[in-house]
Amino acid sequence: SGTPSPAAKKILEEKNIASASVTGTG
């Protein structure tokens, strides 16, 4: 819950967005 996949983590880091602010649908 709330954990990004490796690909998602890379994208969020590039966009400088904290994973805690994203709701996961997986």
PDB file of all heavy atoms in Angstrom:
ATOM      1  N   SER A   1       0.827  -1.194   0.000  1.00  0.00           N
ATOM      2  CA  SER A   1       0.000   0.000   0.000  1.00  0.00           C
ATOM      3  C   SER A   1       0.871   1.259   0.000  1.00  0.00           C
ATOM      4  O   SER A   1       1.687   1.458   0.906  1.00  0.00           O
ATOM      5  CB  SER A   1      -0.923   0.000   1.216  1.00  0.00           C
ATOM      6  OG  SER A   1      -1.739   1.142   1.215  1.00  0.00           O
ATOM      7  N   GLY A   2       0.717   2.090  -1.060  1.00  0.00           N
ATOM      8  CA  GLY A   2       1.484   3.332  -1.144  1.00  0.00           C
ATOM      9  C   GLY A   2       2.915   3.156  -1.588  1.00  0.00           C
ATOM     10  O   GLY A   2       3.679   4.126  -1.624  1.00  0.00           O
ATOM     11  N   THR A   3       3.297   1.920  -1.940  1.00  0.00           N
ATOM     12  CA  THR A   3       4.669   1.659  -2.382  1.00  0.00           C
ATOM     13  C   THR A   3       4.730   1.689  -3.907  1.00  0.00           C
ATOM     14  O   THR A   3       3.978   0.980  -4.569  1.00  0.00           O
ATOM     15  CB  THR A   3       5.159   0.283  -1.888  1.00  0.00           C
ATOM     16  OG1 THR A   3       5.088   0.261  -0.462  1.00  0.00           O
ATOM     17  CG2 THR A   3       6.590   0.029  -2.342  1.00  0.00           C
ATOM     18  N   PRO A   4       5.601   2.518  -4.488  1.00  0.00           N
ATOM     19  CA  PRO A   4       5.668   2.584  -5.955  1.00  0.00           C
ATOM     20  C   PRO A   4       6.451   1.415  -6.532  1.00  0.00           C
ATOM     21  O   PRO A   4       7.389   0.895  -5.905  1.00  0.00           O
ATOM     22  CB  PRO A   4       6.394   3.905  -6.218  1.00  0.00           C
ATOM     23  CG  PRO A   4       7.245   4.112  -5.002  1.00  0.00           C
ATOM     24  CD  PRO A   4       6.485   3.513  -3.856  1.00  0.00           C
ATOM     25  N   SER A   5       6.040   0.984  -7.709  1.00  0.00           N
ATOM     26  CA  SER A   5       6.842   0.004  -8.442  1.00  0.00           C
ATOM     27  C   SER A   5       8.157   0.668  -8.832  1.00  0.00           C
ATOM     28  O   SER A   5       8.277   1.897  -8.785  1.00  0.00           O
ATOM     29  CB  SER A   5       6.087  -0.444  -9.694  1.00  0.00           C
ATOM     30  OG  SER A   5       6.006   0.621 -10.623  1.00  0.00           O
ATOM     31  N   PRO A   6       9.190  -0.101  -9.222  1.00  0.00           N
ATOM     32  CA  PRO A   6      10.468   0.515  -9.609  1.00  0.00           C
ATOM     33  C   PRO A   6      10.303   1.569 -10.700  1.00  0.00           C
ATOM     34  O   PRO A   6      10.908   2.650 -10.631  1.00  0.00           O
ATOM     35  CB  PRO A   6      11.297  -0.685 -10.084  1.00  0.00           C
ATOM     36  CG  PRO A   6      10.749  -1.841  -9.306  1.00  0.00           C
ATOM     37  CD  PRO A   6       9.288  -1.580  -9.177  1.00  0.00           C
ATOM     38  N   ALA A   7       9.479   1.265 -11.718  1.00  0.00           N
ATOM     39  CA  ALA A   7       9.285   2.236 -12.803  1.00  0.00           C
ATOM     40  C   ALA A   7       8.572   3.476 -12.287  1.00  0.00           C
ATOM     41  O   ALA A   7       8.916   4.618 -12.645  1.00  0.00           O
ATOM     42  CB  ALA A   7       8.488   1.605 -13.946  1.00  0.00           C
ATOM     43  N   ALA A   8       7.561   3.270 -11.421  1.00  0.00           N
ATOM     44  CA  ALA A   8       6.821   4.402 -10.866  1.00  0.00           C
ATOM     45  C   ALA A   8       7.723   5.255  -9.975  1.00  0.00           C
ATOM     46  O   ALA A   8       7.645   6.490  -9.985  1.00  0.00           O
ATOM     47  CB  ALA A   8       5.617   3.899 -10.079  1.00  0.00           C
ATOM     48  N   LYS A   9       8.586   4.604  -9.213  1.00  0.00           N
ATOM     49  CA  LYS A   9       9.497   5.336  -8.321  1.00  0.00           C
ATOM     50  C   LYS A   9      10.417   6.252  -9.115  1.00  0.00           C
ATOM     51  O   LYS A   9      10.635   7.413  -8.743  1.00  0.00           O
ATOM     52  CB  LYS A   9      10.321   4.341  -7.500  1.00  0.00           C
ATOM     53  CG  LYS A   9      11.270   5.012  -6.516  1.00  0.00           C
ATOM     54  CD  LYS A   9      12.059   3.978  -5.712  1.00  0.00           C
ATOM     55  CE  LYS A   9      13.001   4.673  -4.742  1.00  0.00           C
ATOM     56  NZ  LYS A   9      13.816   3.703  -3.974  1.00  0.00           N
ATOM     57  N   LYS A  10      10.930   5.742 -10.226  1.00  0.00           N
ATOM     58  CA  LYS A  10      11.824   6.545 -11.067  1.00  0.00           C
ATOM     59  C   LYS A  10      11.093   7.779 -11.614  1.00  0.00           C
ATOM     60  O   LYS A  10      11.626   8.901 -11.604  1.00  0.00           O
ATOM     61  CB  LYS A  10      12.366   5.701 -12.216  1.00  0.00           C
ATOM     62  CG  LYS A  10      13.369   6.415 -13.115  1.00  0.00           C
ATOM     63  CD  LYS A  10      13.930   5.452 -14.151  1.00  0.00           C
ATOM     64  CE  LYS A  10      15.025   6.096 -14.982  1.00  0.00           C
ATOM     65  NZ  LYS A  10      14.521   7.205 -15.798  1.00  0.00           N
ATOM     66  N   ILE A  11       9.864   7.583 -12.081  1.00  0.00           N
ATOM     67  CA  ILE A  11       9.083   8.688 -12.637  1.00  0.00           C
ATOM     68  C   ILE A  11       8.771   9.722 -11.568  1.00  0.00           C
ATOM     69  O   ILE A  11       8.895  10.940 -11.786  1.00  0.00           O
ATOM     70  CB  ILE A  11       7.793   8.151 -13.282  1.00  0.00           C
ATOM     71  CG1 ILE A  11       8.126   7.294 -14.498  1.00  0.00           C
ATOM     72  CG2 ILE A  11       6.864   9.297 -13.677  1.00  0.00           C
ATOM     73  CD1 ILE A  11       6.932   6.560 -15.079  1.00  0.00           C
ATOM     74  N   LEU A  12       8.376   9.265 -10.376  1.00  0.00           N
ATOM     75  CA  LEU A  12       8.058  10.198  -9.297  1.00  0.00           C
ATOM     76  C   LEU A  12       9.283  10.995  -8.865  1.00  0.00           C
ATOM     77  O   LEU A  12       9.185  12.192  -8.563  1.00  0.00           O
ATOM     78  CB  LEU A  12       7.484   9.426  -8.107  1.00  0.00           C
ATOM     79  CG  LEU A  12       6.089   8.805  -8.314  1.00  0.00           C
ATOM     80  CD1 LEU A  12       5.685   7.989  -7.094  1.00  0.00           C
ATOM     81  CD2 LEU A  12       5.051   9.880  -8.597  1.00  0.00           C
ATOM     82  N   GLU A  13      10.447  10.350  -8.848  1.00  0.00           N
ATOM     83  CA  GLU A  13      11.675  11.061  -8.489  1.00  0.00           C
ATOM     84  C   GLU A  13      12.005  12.125  -9.525  1.00  0.00           C
ATOM     85  O   GLU A  13      12.441  13.233  -9.186  1.00  0.00           O
ATOM     86  CB  GLU A  13      12.833  10.067  -8.348  1.00  0.00           C
ATOM     87  CG  GLU A  13      12.734   9.193  -7.109  1.00  0.00           C
ATOM     88  CD  GLU A  13      13.825   8.131  -7.053  1.00  0.00           C
ATOM     89  OE1 GLU A  13      14.518   7.942  -8.080  1.00  0.00           O
ATOM     90  OE2 GLU A  13      13.974   7.492  -5.991  1.00  0.00           O
ATOM     91  N   GLU A  14      11.806  11.802 -10.815  1.00  0.00           N
ATOM     92  CA  GLU A  14      12.073  12.767 -11.872  1.00  0.00           C
ATOM     93  C   GLU A  14      11.117  13.956 -11.794  1.00  0.00           C
ATOM     94  O   GLU A  14      11.488  15.093 -12.102  1.00  0.00           O
ATOM     95  CB  GLU A  14      11.950  12.093 -13.242  1.00  0.00           C
ATOM     96  CG  GLU A  14      13.061  11.098 -13.540  1.00  0.00           C
ATOM     97  CD  GLU A  14      12.818  10.323 -14.824  1.00  0.00           C
ATOM     98  OE1 GLU A  14      11.701  10.444 -15.384  1.00  0.00           O
ATOM     99  OE2 GLU A  14      13.731   9.602 -15.270  1.00  0.00           O
ATOM    100  N   LYS A  15       9.877  13.705 -11.351  1.00  0.00           N
ATOM    101  CA  LYS A  15       8.883  14.765 -11.247  1.00  0.00           C
ATOM    102  C   LYS A  15       8.899  15.440  -9.874  1.00  0.00           C
ATOM    103  O   LYS A  15       8.132  16.382  -9.634  1.00  0.00           O
ATOM    104  CB  LYS A  15       7.489  14.201 -11.539  1.00  0.00           C
ATOM    105  CG  LYS A  15       7.356  13.658 -12.959  1.00  0.00           C
ATOM    106  CD  LYS A  15       6.074  12.867 -13.177  1.00  0.00           C
ATOM    107  CE  LYS A  15       4.858  13.737 -13.256  1.00  0.00           C
ATOM    108  NZ  LYS A  15       3.647  12.973 -13.675  1.00  0.00           N
ATOM    109  N   ASN A  16       9.774  14.926  -8.996  1.00  0.00           N
ATOM    110  CA  ASN A  16       9.908  15.473  -7.644  1.00  0.00           C
ATOM    111  C   ASN A  16       8.578  15.439  -6.891  1.00  0.00           C
ATOM    112  O   ASN A  16       8.153  16.415  -6.281  1.00  0.00           O
ATOM    113  CB  ASN A  16      10.453  16.908  -7.688  1.00  0.00           C
ATOM    114  CG  ASN A  16      10.993  17.359  -6.339  1.00  0.00           C
ATOM    115  OD1 ASN A  16      11.418  16.539  -5.520  1.00  0.00           O
ATOM    116  ND2 ASN A  16      10.971  18.656  -6.100  1.00  0.00           N
ATOM    117  N   ILE A  17       7.914  14.285  -6.963  1.00  0.00           N
ATOM    118  CA  ILE A  17       6.640  14.087  -6.283  1.00  0.00           C
ATOM    119  C   ILE A  17       6.814  13.006  -5.230  1.00  0.00           C
ATOM    120  O   ILE A  17       7.331  11.919  -5.522  1.00  0.00           O
ATOM    121  CB  ILE A  17       5.540  13.682  -7.284  1.00  0.00           C
ATOM    122  CG1 ILE A  17       5.315  14.792  -8.324  1.00  0.00           C
ATOM    123  CG2 ILE A  17       4.232  13.369  -6.568  1.00  0.00           C
ATOM    124  CD1 ILE A  17       4.323  14.431  -9.401  1.00  0.00           C
ATOM    125  N   ALA A  18       6.387  13.286  -4.007  1.00  0.00           N
ATOM    126  CA  ALA A  18       6.482  12.303  -2.922  1.00  0.00           C
ATOM    127  C   ALA A  18       5.460  11.203  -3.140  1.00  0.00           C
ATOM    128  O   ALA A  18       4.296  11.468  -3.476  1.00  0.00           O
ATOM    129  CB  ALA A  18       6.257  12.981  -1.569  1.00  0.00           C
ATOM    130  N   SER A  19       5.872   9.956  -2.940  1.00  0.00           N
ATOM    131  CA  SER A  19       4.960   8.827  -3.141  1.00  0.00           C
ATOM    132  C   SER A  19       3.784   8.882  -2.175  1.00  0.00           C
ATOM    133  O   SER A  19       2.705   8.374  -2.466  1.00  0.00           O
ATOM    134  CB  SER A  19       5.724   7.506  -2.994  1.00  0.00           C
ATOM    135  OG  SER A  19       6.325   7.415  -1.708  1.00  0.00           O
ATOM    136  N   ALA A  20       3.992   9.522  -1.006  1.00  0.00           N
ATOM    137  CA  ALA A  20       2.915   9.597  -0.019  1.00  0.00           C
ATOM    138  C   ALA A  20       1.734  10.420  -0.526  1.00  0.00           C
ATOM    139  O   ALA A  20       0.613  10.292  -0.023  1.00  0.00           O
ATOM    140  CB  ALA A  20       3.438  10.198   1.287  1.00  0.00           C
ATOM    141  N   SER A  21       1.984  11.278  -1.536  1.00  0.00           N
ATOM    142  CA  SER A  21       0.908  12.125  -2.050  1.00  0.00           C
ATOM    143  C   SER A  21       0.166  11.476  -3.210  1.00  0.00           C
ATOM    144  O   SER A  21      -0.741  12.077  -3.785  1.00  0.00           O
ATOM    145  CB  SER A  21       1.485  13.480  -2.512  1.00  0.00           C
ATOM    146  OG  SER A  21       2.360  13.298  -3.620  1.00  0.00           O
ATOM    147  N   VAL A  22       0.546  10.239  -3.568  1.00  0.00           N
ATOM    148  CA  VAL A  22      -0.068   9.556  -4.700  1.00  0.00           C
ATOM    149  C   VAL A  22      -0.876   8.360  -4.200  1.00  0.00           C
ATOM    150  O   VAL A  22      -0.396   7.578  -3.381  1.00  0.00           O
ATOM    151  CB  VAL A  22       1.014   9.076  -5.702  1.00  0.00           C
ATOM    152  CG1 VAL A  22       0.370   8.369  -6.893  1.00  0.00           C
ATOM    153  CG2 VAL A  22       1.868  10.250  -6.173  1.00  0.00           C
ATOM    154  N   THR A  23      -2.090   8.230  -4.696  1.00  0.00           N
ATOM    155  CA  THR A  23      -2.936   7.093  -4.340  1.00  0.00           C
ATOM    156  C   THR A  23      -2.694   5.966  -5.330  1.00  0.00           C
ATOM    157  O   THR A  23      -2.863   6.152  -6.544  1.00  0.00           O
ATOM    158  CB  THR A  23      -4.422   7.491  -4.366  1.00  0.00           C
ATOM    159  OG1 THR A  23      -4.634   8.559  -3.429  1.00  0.00           O
ATOM    160  CG2 THR A  23      -5.307   6.300  -4.005  1.00  0.00           C
ATOM    161  N   GLY A  24      -2.284   4.828  -4.843  1.00  0.00           N
ATOM    162  CA  GLY A  24      -2.015   3.698  -5.716  1.00  0.00           C
ATOM    163  C   GLY A  24      -3.275   2.972  -6.132  1.00  0.00           C
ATOM    164  O   GLY A  24      -4.173   2.769  -5.306  1.00  0.00           O
ATOM    165  N   THR A  25      -3.337   2.606  -7.390  1.00  0.00           N
ATOM    166  CA  THR A  25      -4.508   1.864  -7.899  1.00  0.00           C
ATOM    167  C   THR A  25      -4.160   0.416  -8.209  1.00  0.00           C
ATOM    168  O   THR A  25      -5.013  -0.338  -8.687  1.00  0.00           O
ATOM    169  CB  THR A  25      -5.052   2.530  -9.178  1.00  0.00           C
ATOM    170  OG1 THR A  25      -4.044   2.495 -10.201  1.00  0.00           O
ATOM    171  CG2 THR A  25      -5.456   3.979  -8.921  1.00  0.00           C
ATOM    172  N   GLY A  26      -2.914   0.031  -7.964  1.00  0.00           N
ATOM    173  CA  GLY A  26      -2.506  -1.336  -8.238  1.00  0.00           C
ATOM    174  C   GLY A  26      -2.960  -2.292  -7.155  1.00  0.00           C
ATOM    175  O   GLY A  26      -3.691  -1.926  -6.215  1.00  0.00           O
TER     176      GLY A  26
END
